[in-house]
Amino acid sequence: MAFEKAEFLNTPEKDKLSYIEALIATKQYYPFEKWREKSSKYGLLQYTEDNCTAAKNIFDTLLEKLIKTGENGEIKKKEKYFEIAVLALNELNDVEQGLIETGEREDLCELIDKITIAAGLNPKNYAKGEGIADLWREW
């Protein structure tokens, strides 16, 4: 799945970053501006500024909670924060049908895998190697 693309955080460069820096670095992979561009370019009405901002806020909140928990925080606590984020994405997708389609699903799974690694967890340890999002996602 997306884990291979998330390998960037398993490089020596990752080791030069603090826990907080690694988590913040994952923001560069936020796909939400790309989604907005699709909206303009292809007339995909589901990618409104409000919907994209809502998705972004879910990830900003996840990162804030992981940062607050700290590098040596409880694994169960970190996993719970991922669960909350994925369930919020499920709810957002339920409200706005078609928001998370194939391309968006791949974007989100890749992003979640990168955040998982930055948080000191291994995506391969979840959902038979598919990543932590697969434990709860409905998209």
C-alpha atoms as a PDB file:
ATOM      1  CA  MET A   1       0.000   0.000   0.000  1.00  0.00           C
ATOM      2  CA  ALA A   2       1.183   3.546   0.680  1.00  0.00           C
ATOM      3  CA  PHE A   3       3.862   2.502   3.172  1.00  0.00           C
ATOM      4  CA  GLU A   4       6.556   2.307   0.499  1.00  0.00           C
ATOM      5  CA  LYS A   5       5.915   5.942  -0.430  1.00  0.00           C
ATOM      6  CA  ALA A   6       6.193   6.868   3.229  1.00  0.00           C
ATOM      7  CA  GLU A   7       9.717   5.491   3.506  1.00  0.00           C
ATOM      8  CA  PHE A   8      11.077   9.055   3.420  1.00  0.00           C
ATOM      9  CA  LEU A   9      10.815   9.094   7.187  1.00  0.00           C
ATOM     10  CA  ASN A  10      12.913   5.959   7.513  1.00  0.00           C
ATOM     11  CA  THR A  11      15.952   7.697   6.042  1.00  0.00           C
ATOM     12  CA  PRO A  12      18.924   9.257   7.819  1.00  0.00           C
ATOM     13  CA  GLU A  13      17.305  12.661   7.189  1.00  0.00           C
ATOM     14  CA  LYS A  14      14.443  11.691   9.510  1.00  0.00           C
ATOM     15  CA  ASP A  15      16.951  10.970  12.244  1.00  0.00           C
ATOM     16  CA  LYS A  16      18.150  14.574  12.013  1.00  0.00           C
ATOM     17  CA  LEU A  17      14.649  15.820  12.808  1.00  0.00           C
ATOM     18  CA  SER A  18      13.177  15.993  16.260  1.00  0.00           C
ATOM     19  CA  TYR A  19       9.891  14.227  16.909  1.00  0.00           C
ATOM     20  CA  ILE A  20       8.004  17.510  16.562  1.00  0.00           C
ATOM     21  CA  GLU A  21       9.898  18.502  13.405  1.00  0.00           C
ATOM     22  CA  ALA A  22       9.154  15.132  11.799  1.00  0.00           C
ATOM     23  CA  LEU A  23       5.450  15.480  12.533  1.00  0.00           C
ATOM     24  CA  ILE A  24       5.324  19.046  11.243  1.00  0.00           C
ATOM     25  CA  ALA A  25       7.263  17.975   8.126  1.00  0.00           C
ATOM     26  CA  THR A  26       4.357  15.727   7.151  1.00  0.00           C
ATOM     27  CA  LYS A  27       2.265  18.835   6.456  1.00  0.00           C
ATOM     28  CA  GLN A  28       4.164  19.254   3.200  1.00  0.00           C
ATOM     29  CA  TYR A  29       2.260  16.179   1.996  1.00  0.00           C
ATOM     30  CA  TYR A  30      -1.196  17.595   2.689  1.00  0.00           C
ATOM     31  CA  PRO A  31      -3.172  16.998  -0.534  1.00  0.00           C
ATOM     32  CA  PHE A  32      -5.894  19.561   0.096  1.00  0.00           C
ATOM     33  CA  GLU A  33      -4.627  22.313  -2.211  1.00  0.00           C
ATOM     34  CA  LYS A  34      -4.338  19.720  -4.975  1.00  0.00           C
ATOM     35  CA  TRP A  35      -7.954  18.767  -4.321  1.00  0.00           C
ATOM     36  CA  ARG A  36      -8.997  22.416  -4.606  1.00  0.00           C
ATOM     37  CA  GLU A  37      -7.153  22.695  -7.922  1.00  0.00           C
ATOM     38  CA  LYS A  38      -9.094  19.668  -9.194  1.00  0.00           C
ATOM     39  CA  SER A  39     -12.270  21.423  -8.192  1.00  0.00           C
ATOM     40  CA  SER A  40     -11.398  24.445 -10.290  1.00  0.00           C
ATOM     41  CA  LYS A  41      -9.915  22.537 -13.209  1.00  0.00           C
ATOM     42  CA  TYR A  42     -12.481  19.761 -13.565  1.00  0.00           C
ATOM     43  CA  GLY A  43     -15.567  21.226 -11.926  1.00  0.00           C
ATOM     44  CA  LEU A  44     -15.553  18.721  -9.066  1.00  0.00           C
ATOM     45  CA  LEU A  45     -17.903  20.481  -6.719  1.00  0.00           C
ATOM     46  CA  GLN A  46     -17.218  18.336  -3.648  1.00  0.00           C
ATOM     47  CA  TYR A  47     -13.761  19.902  -3.184  1.00  0.00           C
ATOM     48  CA  THR A  48     -15.027  23.177  -1.787  1.00  0.00           C
ATOM     49  CA  GLU A  49     -12.837  25.319   0.395  1.00  0.00           C
ATOM     50  CA  ASP A  50     -14.999  24.321   3.379  1.00  0.00           C
ATOM     51  CA  ASN A  51     -14.631  20.579   2.723  1.00  0.00           C
ATOM     52  CA  CYS A  52     -10.894  20.802   2.133  1.00  0.00           C
ATOM     53  CA  THR A  53     -10.450  22.961   5.223  1.00  0.00           C
ATOM     54  CA  ALA A  54     -12.451  20.454   7.274  1.00  0.00           C
ATOM     55  CA  ALA A  55     -10.171  17.624   6.109  1.00  0.00           C
ATOM     56  CA  LYS A  56      -7.060  19.720   6.792  1.00  0.00           C
ATOM     57  CA  ASN A  57      -8.326  20.552  10.280  1.00  0.00           C
ATOM     58  CA  ILE A  58      -8.699  16.843  11.065  1.00  0.00           C
ATOM     59  CA  PHE A  59      -5.010  16.350  10.312  1.00  0.00           C
ATOM     60  CA  ASP A  60      -3.916  19.524  12.088  1.00  0.00           C
ATOM     61  CA  THR A  61      -5.727  18.284  15.205  1.00  0.00           C
ATOM     62  CA  LEU A  62      -4.138  14.836  14.888  1.00  0.00           C
ATOM     63  CA  LEU A  63      -0.678  16.387  14.661  1.00  0.00           C
ATOM     64  CA  GLU A  64      -1.351  18.681  17.630  1.00  0.00           C
ATOM     65  CA  LYS A  65      -2.423  15.729  19.778  1.00  0.00           C
ATOM     66  CA  LEU A  66       0.578  13.631  18.740  1.00  0.00           C
ATOM     67  CA  ILE A  67       2.936  16.525  19.470  1.00  0.00           C
ATOM     68  CA  LYS A  68       1.346  17.078  22.881  1.00  0.00           C
ATOM     69  CA  THR A  69       1.614  13.354  23.673  1.00  0.00           C
ATOM     70  CA  GLY A  70       5.332  13.424  22.895  1.00  0.00           C
ATOM     71  CA  GLU A  71       7.772  11.046  21.355  1.00  0.00           C
ATOM     72  CA  ASN A  72       7.699   8.706  24.337  1.00  0.00           C
ATOM     73  CA  GLY A  73       3.951   8.955  24.850  1.00  0.00           C
ATOM     74  CA  GLU A  74       1.773   5.895  25.222  1.00  0.00           C
ATOM     75  CA  ILE A  75       1.321   3.975  21.982  1.00  0.00           C
ATOM     76  CA  LYS A  76      -2.337   3.298  22.808  1.00  0.00           C
ATOM     77  CA  LYS A  77      -2.919   7.023  23.183  1.00  0.00           C
ATOM     78  CA  LYS A  78      -1.314   7.731  19.800  1.00  0.00           C
ATOM     79  CA  GLU A  79      -3.382   4.963  18.193  1.00  0.00           C
ATOM     80  CA  LYS A  80      -6.543   6.469  19.685  1.00  0.00           C
ATOM     81  CA  TYR A  81      -5.743   9.814  18.061  1.00  0.00           C
ATOM     82  CA  PHE A  82      -5.423   8.107  14.685  1.00  0.00           C
ATOM     83  CA  GLU A  83      -8.754   6.383  15.278  1.00  0.00           C
ATOM     84  CA  ILE A  84     -10.429   9.707  16.075  1.00  0.00           C
ATOM     85  CA  ALA A  85      -8.985  11.265  12.905  1.00  0.00           C
ATOM     86  CA  VAL A  86     -10.038   8.405  10.631  1.00  0.00           C
ATOM     87  CA  LEU A  87     -13.540   8.324  12.119  1.00  0.00           C
ATOM     88  CA  ALA A  88     -13.784  12.085  11.534  1.00  0.00           C
ATOM     89  CA  LEU A  89     -12.777  11.528   7.897  1.00  0.00           C
ATOM     90  CA  ASN A  90     -15.445   8.817   7.625  1.00  0.00           C
ATOM     91  CA  GLU A  91     -18.013  11.281   8.931  1.00  0.00           C
ATOM     92  CA  LEU A  92     -16.859  14.020   6.565  1.00  0.00           C
ATOM     93  CA  ASN A  93     -17.115  11.611   3.648  1.00  0.00           C
ATOM     94  CA  ASP A  94     -20.616  10.565   4.768  1.00  0.00           C
ATOM     95  CA  VAL A  95     -21.751  14.186   4.807  1.00  0.00           C
ATOM     96  CA  GLU A  96     -20.155  14.979   1.455  1.00  0.00           C
ATOM     97  CA  GLN A  97     -20.570  11.819  -0.629  1.00  0.00           C
ATOM     98  CA  GLY A  98     -17.765  11.411  -3.136  1.00  0.00           C
ATOM     99  CA  LEU A  99     -15.272  13.539  -1.255  1.00  0.00           C
ATOM    100  CA  ILE A 100     -12.921  10.609  -0.749  1.00  0.00           C
ATOM    101  CA  GLU A 101     -12.677   8.679  -4.002  1.00  0.00           C
ATOM    102  CA  THR A 102      -9.817   6.473  -5.206  1.00  0.00           C
ATOM    103  CA  GLY A 103      -7.205   9.195  -5.676  1.00  0.00           C
ATOM    104  CA  GLU A 104      -8.135  10.942  -2.466  1.00  0.00           C
ATOM    105  CA  ARG A 105      -8.102   7.655  -0.563  1.00  0.00           C
ATOM    106  CA  GLU A 106      -4.556   7.029  -1.776  1.00  0.00           C
ATOM    107  CA  ASP A 107      -3.545  10.572  -0.791  1.00  0.00           C
ATOM    108  CA  LEU A 108      -4.994  10.165   2.694  1.00  0.00           C
ATOM    109  CA  CYS A 109      -3.596   6.684   3.314  1.00  0.00           C
ATOM    110  CA  GLU A 110      -0.142   7.846   2.228  1.00  0.00           C
ATOM    111  CA  LEU A 111      -0.374  10.901   4.476  1.00  0.00           C
ATOM    112  CA  ILE A 112      -1.571   8.845   7.438  1.00  0.00           C
ATOM    113  CA  ASP A 113       1.281   6.366   6.914  1.00  0.00           C
ATOM    114  CA  LYS A 114       3.788   9.234   6.915  1.00  0.00           C
ATOM    115  CA  ILE A 115       2.299  10.655  10.093  1.00  0.00           C
ATOM    116  CA  THR A 116       2.314   7.168  11.640  1.00  0.00           C
ATOM    117  CA  ILE A 117       6.044   6.861  10.976  1.00  0.00           C
ATOM    118  CA  ALA A 118       6.748  10.382  12.243  1.00  0.00           C
ATOM    119  CA  ALA A 119       4.863   9.470  15.432  1.00  0.00           C
ATOM    120  CA  GLY A 120       7.237   6.552  15.971  1.00  0.00           C
ATOM    121  CA  LEU A 121       4.827   3.823  14.878  1.00  0.00           C
ATOM    122  CA  ASN A 122       5.132   1.391  11.982  1.00  0.00           C
ATOM    123  CA  PRO A 123       2.216   1.267   9.505  1.00  0.00           C
ATOM    124  CA  LYS A 124       3.055  -2.355   8.704  1.00  0.00           C
ATOM    125  CA  ASN A 125       2.042  -3.296  12.248  1.00  0.00           C
ATOM    126  CA  TYR A 126      -1.602  -2.433  11.559  1.00  0.00           C
ATOM    127  CA  ALA A 127      -4.394  -4.069   9.549  1.00  0.00           C
ATOM    128  CA  LYS A 128      -2.198  -6.882   8.242  1.00  0.00           C
ATOM    129  CA  GLY A 129       0.352  -4.409   6.934  1.00  0.00           C
ATOM    130  CA  GLU A 130      -2.113  -2.082   5.238  1.00  0.00           C
ATOM    131  CA  GLY A 131      -1.632   0.767   7.703  1.00  0.00           C
ATOM    132  CA  ILE A 132      -3.402   2.160  10.734  1.00  0.00           C
ATOM    133  CA  ALA A 133      -6.132   3.921   8.710  1.00  0.00           C
ATOM    134  CA  ASP A 134      -7.406   0.562   7.491  1.00  0.00           C
ATOM    135  CA  LEU A 135      -8.492  -0.332  11.017  1.00  0.00           C
ATOM    136  CA  TRP A 136     -11.350   2.191  10.836  1.00  0.00           C
ATOM    137  CA  ARG A 137     -11.668   3.748   7.403  1.00  0.00           C
ATOM    138  CA  GLU A 138     -14.861   3.320   5.376  1.00  0.00           C
ATOM    139  CA  TRP A 139     -13.552   4.933   2.205  1.00  0.00           C
END
